[in-house]
PDB file of N, CA and C in Angstrom:
ATOM      1  N   MET A   1      71.177  87.761 113.651  1.00  0.00           N
ATOM      2  CA  MET A   1      72.052  88.356 112.658  1.00  0.00           C
ATOM      3  C   MET A   1      73.452  88.527 113.244  1.00  0.00           C
ATOM      4  N   LYS A   2      74.445  88.030 112.544  1.00  0.00           N
ATOM      5  CA  LYS A   2      75.821  88.166 112.990  1.00  0.00           C
ATOM      6  C   LYS A   2      76.410  89.480 112.496  1.00  0.00           C
ATOM      7  N   ILE A   3      77.176  90.099 113.341  1.00  0.00           N
ATOM      8  CA  ILE A   3      77.884  91.319 112.972  1.00  0.00           C
ATOM      9  C   ILE A   3      79.357  90.961 112.838  1.00  0.00           C
ATOM     10  N   ASP A   4      79.920  91.198 111.689  1.00  0.00           N
ATOM     11  CA  ASP A   4      81.331  90.929 111.474  1.00  0.00           C
ATOM     12  C   ASP A   4      82.118  92.179 111.868  1.00  0.00           C
ATOM     13  N   ASN A   5      82.596  92.189 113.111  1.00  0.00           N
ATOM     14  CA  ASN A   5      83.304  93.354 113.638  1.00  0.00           C
ATOM     15  C   ASN A   5      84.544  93.704 112.836  1.00  0.00           C
ATOM     16  N   ILE A   6      85.195  92.704 112.296  1.00  0.00           N
ATOM     17  CA  ILE A   6      86.416  92.975 111.544  1.00  0.00           C
ATOM     18  C   ILE A   6      86.097  93.691 110.240  1.00  0.00           C
ATOM     19  N   LYS A   7      85.097  93.253 109.531  1.00  0.00           N
ATOM     20  CA  LYS A   7      84.690  93.918 108.290  1.00  0.00           C
ATOM     21  C   LYS A   7      84.210  95.334 108.583  1.00  0.00           C
ATOM     22  N   LEU A   8      83.418  95.486 109.615  1.00  0.00           N
ATOM     23  CA  LEU A   8      82.913  96.794 110.019  1.00  0.00           C
ATOM     24  C   LEU A   8      84.066  97.734 110.362  1.00  0.00           C
ATOM     25  N   PHE A   9      85.040  97.238 111.099  1.00  0.00           N
ATOM     26  CA  PHE A   9      86.239  97.990 111.467  1.00  0.00           C
ATOM     27  C   PHE A   9      86.948  98.500 110.214  1.00  0.00           C
ATOM     28  N   GLY A  10      87.228  97.606 109.268  1.00  0.00           N
ATOM     29  CA  GLY A  10      87.923  97.973 108.034  1.00  0.00           C
ATOM     30  C   GLY A  10      87.131  98.929 107.159  1.00  0.00           C
ATOM     31  N   ASP A  11      85.819  98.680 107.048  1.00  0.00           N
ATOM     32  CA  ASP A  11      84.970  99.541 106.219  1.00  0.00           C
ATOM     33  C   ASP A  11      84.894 100.960 106.763  1.00  0.00           C
ATOM     34  N   ARG A  12      84.780 101.098 108.065  1.00  0.00           N
ATOM     35  CA  ARG A  12      84.694 102.438 108.667  1.00  0.00           C
ATOM     36  C   ARG A  12      86.000 103.198 108.520  1.00  0.00           C
ATOM     37  N   LEU A  13      87.111 102.506 108.684  1.00  0.00           N
ATOM     38  CA  LEU A  13      88.403 103.170 108.496  1.00  0.00           C
ATOM     39  C   LEU A  13      88.613 103.547 107.036  1.00  0.00           C
ATOM     40  N   LYS A  14      88.165 102.694 106.128  1.00  0.00           N
ATOM     41  CA  LYS A  14      88.304 102.960 104.695  1.00  0.00           C
ATOM     42  C   LYS A  14      87.563 104.242 104.303  1.00  0.00           C
ATOM     43  N   LYS A  15      86.402 104.479 104.919  1.00  0.00           N
ATOM     44  CA  LYS A  15      85.648 105.712 104.653  1.00  0.00           C
ATOM     45  C   LYS A  15      86.431 106.952 105.071  1.00  0.00           C
ATOM     46  N   LEU A  16      87.332 106.781 106.029  1.00  0.00           N
ATOM     47  CA  LEU A  16      88.171 107.889 106.500  1.00  0.00           C
ATOM     48  C   LEU A  16      89.487 107.974 105.723  1.00  0.00           C
ATOM     49  N   GLY A  17      89.660 107.098 104.733  1.00  0.00           N
ATOM     50  CA  GLY A  17      90.877 107.098 103.934  1.00  0.00           C
ATOM     51  C   GLY A  17      92.023 106.329 104.563  1.00  0.00           C
ATOM     52  N   ILE A  18      91.699 105.414 105.471  1.00  0.00           N
ATOM     53  CA  ILE A  18      92.718 104.620 106.156  1.00  0.00           C
ATOM     54  C   ILE A  18      92.553 103.164 105.742  1.00  0.00           C
ATOM     55  N   GLU A  19      93.612 102.604 105.165  1.00  0.00           N
ATOM     56  CA  GLU A  19      93.613 101.194 104.764  1.00  0.00           C
ATOM     57  C   GLU A  19      94.359 100.387 105.813  1.00  0.00           C
ATOM     58  N   VAL A  20      93.735  99.329 106.307  1.00  0.00           N
ATOM     59  CA  VAL A  20      94.402  98.465 107.280  1.00  0.00           C
ATOM     60  C   VAL A  20      94.497  97.053 106.718  1.00  0.00           C
ATOM     61  N   GLU A  21      95.587  96.384 107.056  1.00  0.00           N
ATOM     62  CA  GLU A  21      95.771  94.977 106.720  1.00  0.00           C
ATOM     63  C   GLU A  21      95.929  94.221 108.030  1.00  0.00           C
ATOM     64  N   LEU A  22      95.231  93.107 108.135  1.00  0.00           N
ATOM     65  CA  LEU A  22      95.275  92.287 109.329  1.00  0.00           C
ATOM     66  C   LEU A  22      95.920  90.951 109.012  1.00  0.00           C
ATOM     67  N   ALA A  23      96.525  90.345 110.014  1.00  0.00           N
ATOM     68  CA  ALA A  23      97.122  89.018 109.878  1.00  0.00           C
ATOM     69  C   ALA A  23      96.656  88.189 111.058  1.00  0.00           C
ATOM     70  N   GLY A  24      96.443  86.903 110.835  1.00  0.00           N
ATOM     71  CA  GLY A  24      95.922  86.061 111.901  1.00  0.00           C
ATOM     72  C   GLY A  24      96.864  84.953 112.320  1.00  0.00           C
ATOM     73  N   ASN A  25      96.812  84.634 113.576  1.00  0.00           N
ATOM     74  CA  ASN A  25      97.511  83.495 114.163  1.00  0.00           C
ATOM     75  C   ASN A  25      96.623  83.053 115.313  1.00  0.00           C
ATOM     76  N   TYR A  26      95.777  82.071 115.061  1.00  0.00           N
ATOM     77  CA  TYR A  26      94.722  81.676 115.983  1.00  0.00           C
ATOM     78  C   TYR A  26      95.174  81.704 117.435  1.00  0.00           C
ATOM     79  N   PRO A  27      94.468  82.310 118.338  1.00  0.00           N
ATOM     80  CA  PRO A  27      93.214  83.051 118.242  1.00  0.00           C
ATOM     81  C   PRO A  27      93.394  84.553 118.096  1.00  0.00           C
ATOM     82  N   TRP A  28      94.603  85.021 117.771  1.00  0.00           N
ATOM     83  CA  TRP A  28      94.860  86.448 117.678  1.00  0.00           C
ATOM     84  C   TRP A  28      94.758  86.941 116.246  1.00  0.00           C
ATOM     85  N   ILE A  29      94.323  88.182 116.101  1.00  0.00           N
ATOM     86  CA  ILE A  29      94.289  88.844 114.800  1.00  0.00           C
ATOM     87  C   ILE A  29      95.064  90.144 114.971  1.00  0.00           C
ATOM     88  N   TYR A  30      96.156  90.242 114.236  1.00  0.00           N
ATOM     89  CA  TYR A  30      97.091  91.347 114.399  1.00  0.00           C
ATOM     90  C   TYR A  30      96.826  92.471 113.402  1.00  0.00           C
ATOM     91  N   LEU A  31      97.070  93.692 113.842  1.00  0.00           N
ATOM     92  CA  LEU A  31      97.086  94.849 112.969  1.00  0.00           C
ATOM     93  C   LEU A  31      98.454  94.819 112.294  1.00  0.00           C
ATOM     94  N   ASP A  32      98.497  94.468 111.020  1.00  0.00           N
ATOM     95  CA  ASP A  32      99.759  94.233 110.319  1.00  0.00           C
ATOM     96  C   ASP A  32     100.288  95.488 109.628  1.00  0.00           C
ATOM     97  N   LYS A  33      99.407  96.175 108.882  1.00  0.00           N
ATOM     98  CA  LYS A  33      99.822  97.379 108.160  1.00  0.00           C
ATOM     99  C   LYS A  33      98.727  98.437 108.223  1.00  0.00           C
ATOM    100  N   VAL A  34      99.146  99.679 108.245  1.00  0.00           N
ATOM    101  CA  VAL A  34      98.229 100.821 108.172  1.00  0.00           C
ATOM    102  C   VAL A  34      98.722 101.686 107.023  1.00  0.00           C
ATOM    103  N   ASN A  35      97.871 101.867 106.022  1.00  0.00           N
ATOM    104  CA  ASN A  35      98.209 102.606 104.803  1.00  0.00           C
ATOM    105  C   ASN A  35      99.531 102.116 104.200  1.00  0.00           C
ATOM    106  N   GLY A  36      99.724 100.816 104.210  1.00  0.00           N
ATOM    107  CA  GLY A  36     100.894 100.203 103.600  1.00  0.00           C
ATOM    108  C   GLY A  36     102.138 100.181 104.471  1.00  0.00           C
ATOM    109  N   LYS A  37     102.096 100.831 105.611  1.00  0.00           N
ATOM    110  CA  LYS A  37     103.247 100.895 106.527  1.00  0.00           C
ATOM    111  C   LYS A  37     103.149  99.788 107.560  1.00  0.00           C
ATOM    112  N   LYS A  38     104.213  98.989 107.708  1.00  0.00           N
ATOM    113  CA  LYS A  38     104.252  97.873 108.651  1.00  0.00           C
ATOM    114  C   LYS A  38     104.138  98.392 110.089  1.00  0.00           C
ATOM    115  N   VAL A  39     103.236  97.788 110.859  1.00  0.00           N
ATOM    116  CA  VAL A  39     103.043  98.160 112.263  1.00  0.00           C
ATOM    117  C   VAL A  39     104.144  97.515 113.100  1.00  0.00           C
ATOM    118  N   GLU A  40     104.833  98.327 113.870  1.00  0.00           N
ATOM    119  CA  GLU A  40     105.903  97.851 114.746  1.00  0.00           C
ATOM    120  C   GLU A  40     105.368  97.751 116.168  1.00  0.00           C
ATOM    121  N   GLY A  41     105.977  96.925 116.963  1.00  0.00           N
ATOM    122  CA  GLY A  41     105.607  96.789 118.360  1.00  0.00           C
ATOM    123  C   GLY A  41     104.666  95.623 118.589  1.00  0.00           C
ATOM    124  N   LYS A  42     104.514  95.291 119.868  1.00  0.00           N
ATOM    125  CA  LYS A  42     103.653  94.178 120.261  1.00  0.00           C
ATOM    126  C   LYS A  42     102.628  94.653 121.276  1.00  0.00           C
ATOM    127  N   PHE A  43     101.459  94.022 121.220  1.00  0.00           N
ATOM    128  CA  PHE A  43     100.399  94.300 122.189  1.00  0.00           C
ATOM    129  C   PHE A  43      99.601  93.018 122.374  1.00  0.00           C
ATOM    130  N   LEU A  44      99.581  92.497 123.565  1.00  0.00           N
ATOM    131  CA  LEU A  44      98.829  91.296 123.942  1.00  0.00           C
ATOM    132  C   LEU A  44      99.160  90.064 123.106  1.00  0.00           C
ATOM    133  N   GLY A  45     100.322  90.010 122.530  1.00  0.00           N
ATOM    134  CA  GLY A  45     100.713  88.849 121.747  1.00  0.00           C
ATOM    135  C   GLY A  45     102.220  88.801 121.593  1.00  0.00           C
ATOM    136  N   ASN A  46     102.726  87.673 121.166  1.00  0.00           N
ATOM    137  CA  ASN A  46     104.169  87.513 121.011  1.00  0.00           C
ATOM    138  C   ASN A  46     104.666  87.886 119.620  1.00  0.00           C
ATOM    139  N   HIS A  47     103.759  88.032 118.659  1.00  0.00           N
ATOM    140  CA  HIS A  47     104.193  88.183 117.269  1.00  0.00           C
ATOM    141  C   HIS A  47     103.751  89.476 116.619  1.00  0.00           C
ATOM    142  N   GLY A  48     102.994  90.313 117.284  1.00  0.00           N
ATOM    143  CA  GLY A  48     102.556  91.539 116.648  1.00  0.00           C
ATOM    144  C   GLY A  48     101.609  92.326 117.520  1.00  0.00           C
ATOM    145  N   PHE A  49     100.993  93.314 116.911  1.00  0.00           N
ATOM    146  CA  PHE A  49     100.074  94.194 117.616  1.00  0.00           C
ATOM    147  C   PHE A  49      98.662  93.611 117.502  1.00  0.00           C
ATOM    148  N   THR A  50      98.174  92.995 118.566  1.00  0.00           N
ATOM    149  CA  THR A  50      96.886  92.307 118.552  1.00  0.00           C
ATOM    150  C   THR A  50      95.744  93.322 118.570  1.00  0.00           C
ATOM    151  N   ALA A  51      94.915  93.292 117.514  1.00  0.00           N
ATOM    152  CA  ALA A  51      93.765  94.180 117.435  1.00  0.00           C
ATOM    153  C   ALA A  51      92.480  93.455 117.820  1.00  0.00           C
ATOM    154  N   PHE A  52      92.371  92.187 117.450  1.00  0.00           N
ATOM    155  CA  PHE A  52      91.182  91.380 117.733  1.00  0.00           C
ATOM    156  C   PHE A  52      91.607  90.014 118.235  1.00  0.00           C
ATOM    157  N   PHE A  53      90.685  89.321 118.864  1.00  0.00           N
ATOM    158  CA  PHE A  53      90.890  87.920 119.173  1.00  0.00           C
ATOM    159  C   PHE A  53      89.585  87.180 118.975  1.00  0.00           C
ATOM    160  N   LEU A  54      89.701  85.907 118.689  1.00  0.00           N
ATOM    161  CA  LEU A  54      88.526  85.074 118.455  1.00  0.00           C
ATOM    162  C   LEU A  54      87.888  84.702 119.790  1.00  0.00           C
ATOM    163  N   THR A  55      86.567  84.646 119.810  1.00  0.00           N
ATOM    164  CA  THR A  55      85.828  84.275 121.007  1.00  0.00           C
ATOM    165  C   THR A  55      85.054  82.978 120.745  1.00  0.00           C
ATOM    166  N   ASN A  56      84.401  82.475 121.755  1.00  0.00           N
ATOM    167  CA  ASN A  56      83.551  81.290 121.609  1.00  0.00           C
ATOM    168  C   ASN A  56      82.090  81.667 121.395  1.00  0.00           C
ATOM    169  N   ASN A  57      81.806  82.923 121.172  1.00  0.00           N
ATOM    170  CA  ASN A  57      80.455  83.420 120.990  1.00  0.00           C
ATOM    171  C   ASN A  57      80.063  83.322 119.510  1.00  0.00           C
ATOM    172  N   ARG A  58      79.047  82.546 119.201  1.00  0.00           N
ATOM    173  CA  ARG A  58      78.632  82.361 117.799  1.00  0.00           C
ATOM    174  C   ARG A  58      78.091  83.643 117.181  1.00  0.00           C
ATOM    175  N   ASP A  59      77.429  84.486 117.976  1.00  0.00           N
ATOM    176  CA  ASP A  59      76.859  85.716 117.445  1.00  0.00           C
ATOM    177  C   ASP A  59      77.906  86.799 117.203  1.00  0.00           C
ATOM    178  N   ASN A  60      78.982  86.741 117.932  1.00  0.00           N
ATOM    179  CA  ASN A  60      80.035  87.738 117.794  1.00  0.00           C
ATOM    180  C   ASN A  60      81.393  87.033 117.940  1.00  0.00           C
ATOM    181  N   PRO A  61      81.882  86.394 116.871  1.00  0.00           N
ATOM    182  CA  PRO A  61      83.075  85.545 116.976  1.00  0.00           C
ATOM    183  C   PRO A  61      84.392  86.300 117.192  1.00  0.00           C
ATOM    184  N   TYR A  62      84.414  87.615 116.963  1.00  0.00           N
ATOM    185  CA  TYR A  62      85.624  88.406 117.137  1.00  0.00           C
ATOM    186  C   TYR A  62      85.369  89.517 118.135  1.00  0.00           C
ATOM    187  N   LYS A  63      86.398  89.858 118.904  1.00  0.00           N
ATOM    188  CA  LYS A  63      86.282  90.955 119.849  1.00  0.00           C
ATOM    189  C   LYS A  63      87.528  91.816 119.741  1.00  0.00           C
ATOM    190  N   ILE A  64      87.338  93.132 119.715  1.00  0.00           N
ATOM    191  CA  ILE A  64      88.482  94.042 119.680  1.00  0.00           C
ATOM    192  C   ILE A  64      89.150  94.018 121.047  1.00  0.00           C
ATOM    193  N   THR A  65      90.464  94.104 121.062  1.00  0.00           N
ATOM    194  CA  THR A  65      91.197  93.980 122.323  1.00  0.00           C
ATOM    195  C   THR A  65      90.978  95.194 123.217  1.00  0.00           C
ATOM    196  N   ASP A  66      91.374  96.356 122.775  1.00  0.00           N
ATOM    197  CA  ASP A  66      91.210  97.591 123.541  1.00  0.00           C
ATOM    198  C   ASP A  66      91.076  98.725 122.539  1.00  0.00           C
ATOM    199  N   THR A  67      89.901  99.264 122.430  1.00  0.00           N
ATOM    200  CA  THR A  67      89.595 100.275 121.419  1.00  0.00           C
ATOM    201  C   THR A  67      90.558 101.457 121.483  1.00  0.00           C
ATOM    202  N   LYS A  68      90.783 101.988 122.665  1.00  0.00           N
ATOM    203  CA  LYS A  68      91.661 103.164 122.805  1.00  0.00           C
ATOM    204  C   LYS A  68      93.070 102.877 122.315  1.00  0.00           C
ATOM    205  N   ILE A  69      93.611 101.744 122.706  1.00  0.00           N
ATOM    206  CA  ILE A  69      94.991 101.413 122.338  1.00  0.00           C
ATOM    207  C   ILE A  69      95.109 101.128 120.844  1.00  0.00           C
ATOM    208  N   VAL A  70      94.145 100.420 120.274  1.00  0.00           N
ATOM    209  CA  VAL A  70      94.183 100.102 118.847  1.00  0.00           C
ATOM    210  C   VAL A  70      94.104 101.388 118.017  1.00  0.00           C
ATOM    211  N   PHE A  71      93.184 102.277 118.352  1.00  0.00           N
ATOM    212  CA  PHE A  71      93.061 103.512 117.575  1.00  0.00           C
ATOM    213  C   PHE A  71      94.212 104.475 117.837  1.00  0.00           C
ATOM    214  N   ARG A  72      94.813 104.425 119.005  1.00  0.00           N
ATOM    215  CA  ARG A  72      96.009 105.226 119.277  1.00  0.00           C
ATOM    216  C   ARG A  72      97.142 104.765 118.356  1.00  0.00           C
ATOM    217  N   LYS A  73      97.267 103.451 118.191  1.00  0.00           N
ATOM    218  CA  LYS A  73      98.304 102.900 117.313  1.00  0.00           C
ATOM    219  C   LYS A  73      98.040 103.295 115.861  1.00  0.00           C
ATOM    220  N   ILE A  74      96.786 103.244 115.440  1.00  0.00           N
ATOM    221  CA  ILE A  74      96.440 103.642 114.065  1.00  0.00           C
ATOM    222  C   ILE A  74      96.778 105.112 113.843  1.00  0.00           C
ATOM    223  N   ARG A  75      96.429 105.976 114.801  1.00  0.00           N
ATOM    224  CA  ARG A  75      96.774 107.410 114.671  1.00  0.00           C
ATOM    225  C   ARG A  75      98.292 107.604 114.611  1.00  0.00           C
ATOM    226  N   GLU A  76      99.020 106.849 115.427  1.00  0.00           N
ATOM    227  CA  GLU A  76     100.480 106.922 115.413  1.00  0.00           C
ATOM    228  C   GLU A  76     101.022 106.528 114.038  1.00  0.00           C
ATOM    229  N   MET A  77     100.470 105.478 113.450  1.00  0.00           N
ATOM    230  CA  MET A  77     100.930 105.009 112.137  1.00  0.00           C
ATOM    231  C   MET A  77     100.589 105.999 111.031  1.00  0.00           C
ATOM    232  N   ILE A  78      99.477 106.699 111.153  1.00  0.00           N
ATOM    233  CA  ILE A  78      99.113 107.703 110.150  1.00  0.00           C
ATOM    234  C   ILE A  78     100.084 108.882 110.190  1.00  0.00           C
ATOM    235  N   LYS A  79     100.510 109.263 111.389  1.00  0.00           N
ATOM    236  CA  LYS A  79     101.466 110.365 111.521  1.00  0.00           C
ATOM    237  C   LYS A  79     102.808 110.014 110.911  1.00  0.00           C
ATOM    238  N   ILE A  80     103.182 108.731 110.971  1.00  0.00           N
ATOM    239  CA  ILE A  80     104.451 108.279 110.387  1.00  0.00           C
ATOM    240  C   ILE A  80     104.411 108.392 108.873  1.00  0.00           C
ATOM    241  N   ASN A  81     103.239 108.081 108.270  1.00  0.00           N
ATOM    242  CA  ASN A  81     103.121 108.095 106.798  1.00  0.00           C
ATOM    243  C   ASN A  81     103.202 109.465 106.296  1.00  0.00           C
TER     244      ASN A  81
END
């Protein structure tokens, strides 16, 4: 059974009242917006704040970059809103 980490990530945040929008540029998946607010800054990429990246693992094709840093950025964006 495959676990779609990206869907799980979005669904769990949605339950907390947080809407996230992601944008992709192979192999990076960027955190683009949080509650409609554009995410500023870069992390592990040249074009945005990288939240996930694609892997070569068929059972788990996506991996979160750094849980602490990604959720710190989300909390920062919520405070801005």
